[in-house]
Amino acid sequence: MPKVSYVEKTIFEREGFKVNFIQNGRNVRDEVDLPYNYNAVYQTKNYSNVTNFKEKLKKQFPGYDFIVYDGDGKKARGNMLLGNLRDTYIKEQ
């Protein structure tokens, strides 16, 4: 059974942005076991928004809520497109 930290890392590697698991209004500790890993094969489409992505996660991990962060570490707005969210992680040179 994968740990929360491993699933969050998998989501970051596949989707390109940071997510935290929330339960009962609190951040879930990293060592908590989950029944399975994030199972999306492909990255969620850029035209999908943060709210839709969180609903997708809630279907895979019932009983949890999620916080999605932008590249500056701020909570992403629900109507933000995932393509724009991913762009916040790109560092200008």
N, C-alpha and C. Protein backbone atom coordinates (compact mmCIF):
# COMPACT_ATOMS: atom_id res chain seq x y z
N MET A 1 0.84 -1.18 0.00
CA MET A 1 0.00 0.00 0.00
C MET A 1 0.88 1.24 0.00
N PRO A 2 0.67 2.14 -0.94
CA PRO A 2 1.52 3.33 -1.02
C PRO A 2 1.18 4.35 0.06
N LYS A 3 2.16 5.09 0.45
CA LYS A 3 2.00 6.18 1.42
C LYS A 3 1.50 7.43 0.71
N VAL A 4 0.88 8.33 1.47
CA VAL A 4 0.38 9.59 0.92
C VAL A 4 1.50 10.34 0.21
N SER A 5 2.68 10.38 0.80
CA SER A 5 3.80 11.12 0.20
C SER A 5 4.15 10.56 -1.17
N TYR A 6 4.09 9.25 -1.32
CA TYR A 6 4.40 8.63 -2.61
C TYR A 6 3.34 8.96 -3.66
N VAL A 7 2.07 8.94 -3.25
CA VAL A 7 0.98 9.26 -4.19
C VAL A 7 1.07 10.73 -4.60
N GLU A 8 1.36 11.62 -3.65
CA GLU A 8 1.51 13.04 -4.00
C GLU A 8 2.68 13.25 -4.96
N LYS A 9 3.74 12.52 -4.76
CA LYS A 9 4.90 12.60 -5.67
C LYS A 9 4.52 12.08 -7.05
N THR A 10 3.76 10.99 -7.12
CA THR A 10 3.31 10.45 -8.40
C THR A 10 2.43 11.45 -9.14
N ILE A 11 1.52 12.09 -8.42
CA ILE A 11 0.65 13.11 -9.04
C ILE A 11 1.51 14.25 -9.59
N PHE A 12 2.49 14.69 -8.82
CA PHE A 12 3.35 15.78 -9.29
C PHE A 12 4.11 15.37 -10.55
N GLU A 13 4.66 14.18 -10.57
CA GLU A 13 5.42 13.72 -11.73
C GLU A 13 4.55 13.57 -12.97
N ARG A 14 3.33 13.09 -12.79
CA ARG A 14 2.45 12.86 -13.93
C ARG A 14 1.74 14.13 -14.37
N GLU A 15 1.29 14.94 -13.42
CA GLU A 15 0.46 16.11 -13.75
C GLU A 15 1.25 17.42 -13.83
N GLY A 16 2.36 17.51 -13.11
CA GLY A 16 3.19 18.71 -13.19
C GLY A 16 2.85 19.78 -12.17
N PHE A 17 2.08 19.43 -11.14
CA PHE A 17 1.79 20.38 -10.08
C PHE A 17 1.59 19.66 -8.76
N LYS A 18 1.74 20.42 -7.66
CA LYS A 18 1.71 19.86 -6.31
C LYS A 18 0.29 19.78 -5.78
N VAL A 19 0.00 18.67 -5.10
CA VAL A 19 -1.32 18.42 -4.50
C VAL A 19 -1.11 17.91 -3.08
N ASN A 20 -1.96 18.33 -2.15
CA ASN A 20 -1.96 17.78 -0.80
C ASN A 20 -3.30 17.11 -0.53
N PHE A 21 -3.25 15.97 0.15
CA PHE A 21 -4.46 15.28 0.59
C PHE A 21 -4.96 15.94 1.88
N ILE A 22 -6.28 16.16 1.96
CA ILE A 22 -6.90 16.79 3.12
C ILE A 22 -8.02 15.86 3.61
N GLN A 23 -8.10 15.68 4.92
CA GLN A 23 -9.21 14.91 5.50
C GLN A 23 -9.63 15.60 6.79
N ASN A 24 -10.93 15.80 6.95
CA ASN A 24 -11.48 16.49 8.11
C ASN A 24 -10.84 17.88 8.29
N GLY A 25 -10.57 18.55 7.18
CA GLY A 25 -10.03 19.91 7.21
C GLY A 25 -8.55 20.01 7.52
N ARG A 26 -7.87 18.87 7.63
CA ARG A 26 -6.44 18.89 7.98
C ARG A 26 -5.63 18.13 6.93
N ASN A 27 -4.39 18.56 6.77
CA ASN A 27 -3.47 17.91 5.84
C ASN A 27 -3.19 16.49 6.35
N VAL A 28 -3.28 15.52 5.46
CA VAL A 28 -3.04 14.13 5.83
C VAL A 28 -1.54 13.90 5.95
N ARG A 29 -1.13 13.25 7.02
CA ARG A 29 0.29 13.00 7.25
C ARG A 29 0.85 12.11 6.15
N ASP A 30 2.12 12.34 5.82
CA ASP A 30 2.76 11.66 4.70
C ASP A 30 2.87 10.15 4.86
N GLU A 31 2.88 9.64 6.08
CA GLU A 31 3.09 8.20 6.27
C GLU A 31 1.78 7.40 6.29
N VAL A 32 0.64 8.05 6.09
CA VAL A 32 -0.64 7.35 6.05
C VAL A 32 -0.70 6.49 4.78
N ASP A 33 -1.18 5.25 4.94
CA ASP A 33 -1.31 4.34 3.80
C ASP A 33 -2.60 4.62 3.03
N LEU A 34 -2.50 4.56 1.70
CA LEU A 34 -3.66 4.64 0.82
C LEU A 34 -3.82 3.28 0.15
N PRO A 35 -5.03 2.94 -0.29
CA PRO A 35 -5.23 1.61 -0.87
C PRO A 35 -4.51 1.38 -2.19
N TYR A 36 -4.27 2.45 -2.95
CA TYR A 36 -3.60 2.31 -4.24
C TYR A 36 -3.02 3.65 -4.67
N ASN A 37 -2.17 3.61 -5.67
CA ASN A 37 -1.51 4.81 -6.18
C ASN A 37 -2.44 5.53 -7.16
N TYR A 38 -2.08 6.76 -7.50
CA TYR A 38 -2.78 7.54 -8.52
C TYR A 38 -2.73 6.74 -9.81
N ASN A 39 -3.89 6.49 -10.42
CA ASN A 39 -3.91 5.55 -11.53
C ASN A 39 -4.13 6.15 -12.91
N ALA A 40 -3.99 7.46 -13.06
CA ALA A 40 -4.12 8.05 -14.39
C ALA A 40 -2.90 7.70 -15.23
N VAL A 41 -3.15 7.26 -16.45
CA VAL A 41 -2.06 6.89 -17.35
C VAL A 41 -1.50 8.13 -18.04
N TYR A 42 -2.40 9.04 -18.41
CA TYR A 42 -2.00 10.25 -19.13
C TYR A 42 -2.26 11.48 -18.28
N GLN A 43 -1.55 12.54 -18.58
CA GLN A 43 -1.75 13.82 -17.93
C GLN A 43 -3.15 14.34 -18.24
N THR A 44 -3.80 14.94 -17.27
CA THR A 44 -5.12 15.54 -17.47
C THR A 44 -4.98 16.69 -18.47
N LYS A 45 -5.97 16.85 -19.33
CA LYS A 45 -5.91 17.85 -20.40
C LYS A 45 -5.73 19.26 -19.86
N ASN A 46 -5.00 20.08 -20.60
CA ASN A 46 -4.72 21.46 -20.21
C ASN A 46 -5.98 22.31 -20.11
N TYR A 47 -7.03 21.98 -20.86
CA TYR A 47 -8.24 22.79 -20.83
C TYR A 47 -9.17 22.42 -19.67
N SER A 48 -8.81 21.42 -18.89
CA SER A 48 -9.56 21.10 -17.69
C SER A 48 -9.16 22.09 -16.59
N ASN A 49 -10.05 22.32 -15.62
CA ASN A 49 -9.69 23.26 -14.56
C ASN A 49 -9.42 22.55 -13.24
N VAL A 50 -8.99 23.30 -12.25
CA VAL A 50 -8.59 22.75 -10.96
C VAL A 50 -9.77 22.05 -10.28
N THR A 51 -10.96 22.63 -10.34
CA THR A 51 -12.13 22.00 -9.73
C THR A 51 -12.42 20.64 -10.34
N ASN A 52 -12.36 20.55 -11.66
CA ASN A 52 -12.58 19.26 -12.34
C ASN A 52 -11.53 18.25 -11.93
N PHE A 53 -10.29 18.69 -11.80
CA PHE A 53 -9.21 17.78 -11.41
C PHE A 53 -9.43 17.26 -9.99
N LYS A 54 -9.84 18.14 -9.09
CA LYS A 54 -10.09 17.72 -7.71
C LYS A 54 -11.24 16.71 -7.66
N GLU A 55 -12.26 16.89 -8.49
CA GLU A 55 -13.37 15.93 -8.54
C GLU A 55 -12.87 14.57 -9.06
N LYS A 56 -11.97 14.61 -10.01
CA LYS A 56 -11.37 13.37 -10.52
C LYS A 56 -10.64 12.64 -9.39
N LEU A 57 -9.88 13.37 -8.59
CA LEU A 57 -9.17 12.77 -7.46
C LEU A 57 -10.13 12.22 -6.41
N LYS A 58 -11.23 12.94 -6.16
CA LYS A 58 -12.20 12.50 -5.16
C LYS A 58 -12.84 11.17 -5.56
N LYS A 59 -12.99 10.93 -6.86
CA LYS A 59 -13.53 9.65 -7.33
C LYS A 59 -12.54 8.52 -7.07
N GLN A 60 -11.25 8.80 -7.23
CA GLN A 60 -10.22 7.78 -7.00
C GLN A 60 -9.95 7.58 -5.52
N PHE A 61 -10.06 8.63 -4.73
CA PHE A 61 -9.74 8.58 -3.31
C PHE A 61 -10.90 9.15 -2.49
N PRO A 62 -12.01 8.39 -2.40
CA PRO A 62 -13.17 8.90 -1.65
C PRO A 62 -12.83 9.13 -0.18
N GLY A 63 -13.44 10.16 0.39
CA GLY A 63 -13.19 10.50 1.78
C GLY A 63 -12.11 11.55 1.96
N TYR A 64 -11.47 11.93 0.88
CA TYR A 64 -10.41 12.94 0.94
C TYR A 64 -10.81 14.15 0.13
N ASP A 65 -10.29 15.31 0.53
CA ASP A 65 -10.37 16.53 -0.26
C ASP A 65 -8.94 16.86 -0.64
N PHE A 66 -8.76 17.86 -1.47
CA PHE A 66 -7.42 18.14 -2.00
C PHE A 66 -7.19 19.63 -2.11
N ILE A 67 -5.93 20.01 -1.92
CA ILE A 67 -5.49 21.37 -2.20
C ILE A 67 -4.48 21.27 -3.33
N VAL A 68 -4.68 22.08 -4.36
CA VAL A 68 -3.77 22.13 -5.50
C VAL A 68 -3.01 23.45 -5.41
N TYR A 69 -1.70 23.39 -5.60
CA TYR A 69 -0.84 24.57 -5.45
C TYR A 69 -0.26 25.00 -6.79
N ASP A 70 -0.08 26.32 -6.93
CA ASP A 70 0.61 26.83 -8.13
C ASP A 70 2.11 26.81 -7.88
N GLY A 71 2.87 27.25 -8.85
CA GLY A 71 4.33 27.21 -8.77
C GLY A 71 4.93 28.08 -7.69
N ASP A 72 4.15 29.05 -7.18
CA ASP A 72 4.61 29.92 -6.09
C ASP A 72 4.22 29.37 -4.72
N GLY A 73 3.56 28.21 -4.70
CA GLY A 73 3.14 27.61 -3.43
C GLY A 73 1.83 28.14 -2.90
N LYS A 74 1.09 28.89 -3.71
CA LYS A 74 -0.22 29.41 -3.31
C LYS A 74 -1.31 28.44 -3.77
N LYS A 75 -2.43 28.44 -3.07
CA LYS A 75 -3.56 27.61 -3.46
C LYS A 75 -4.07 28.09 -4.82
N ALA A 76 -4.27 27.14 -5.73
CA ALA A 76 -4.76 27.48 -7.07
C ALA A 76 -6.27 27.68 -7.03
N ARG A 77 -6.76 28.66 -7.77
CA ARG A 77 -8.20 28.91 -7.87
C ARG A 77 -8.88 27.76 -8.60
N GLY A 78 -10.12 27.50 -8.29
CA GLY A 78 -10.87 26.41 -8.89
C GLY A 78 -11.10 26.55 -10.37
N ASN A 79 -11.20 27.79 -10.86
CA ASN A 79 -11.46 27.99 -12.28
C ASN A 79 -10.18 28.10 -13.12
N MET A 80 -9.03 27.95 -12.50
CA MET A 80 -7.76 28.04 -13.22
C MET A 80 -7.58 26.81 -14.11
N LEU A 81 -7.26 27.05 -15.36
CA LEU A 81 -7.01 25.95 -16.28
C LEU A 81 -5.70 25.25 -15.93
N LEU A 82 -5.67 23.94 -16.09
CA LEU A 82 -4.47 23.18 -15.73
C LEU A 82 -3.26 23.58 -16.58
N GLY A 83 -3.49 23.96 -17.81
CA GLY A 83 -2.38 24.44 -18.66
C GLY A 83 -1.74 25.68 -18.07
N ASN A 84 -2.57 26.62 -17.60
CA ASN A 84 -2.05 27.83 -16.96
C ASN A 84 -1.38 27.51 -15.63
N LEU A 85 -1.94 26.56 -14.90
CA LEU A 85 -1.35 26.14 -13.64
C LEU A 85 0.03 25.55 -13.87
N ARG A 86 0.16 24.69 -14.85
CA ARG A 86 1.47 24.08 -15.15
C ARG A 86 2.50 25.14 -15.56
N ASP A 87 2.03 26.17 -16.25
CA ASP A 87 2.93 27.25 -16.66
C ASP A 87 3.54 27.97 -15.47
N THR A 88 2.86 27.98 -14.32
CA THR A 88 3.40 28.67 -13.15
C THR A 88 4.62 27.94 -12.58
N TYR A 89 4.82 26.70 -12.96
CA TYR A 89 5.97 25.93 -12.49
C TYR A 89 7.19 26.10 -13.39
N ILE A 90 7.01 26.73 -14.54
CA ILE A 90 8.12 26.96 -15.46
C ILE A 90 8.89 28.20 -14.98
N LYS A 91 10.15 28.03 -14.74
CA LYS A 91 10.99 29.13 -14.25
C LYS A 91 11.59 29.89 -15.44
N GLU A 92 11.42 31.21 -15.41
CA GLU A 92 12.01 32.07 -16.45
C GLU A 92 13.53 32.12 -16.24
N GLN A 93 14.24 32.19 -17.35
CA GLN A 93 15.70 32.27 -17.25
C GLN A 93 16.20 33.60 -17.75
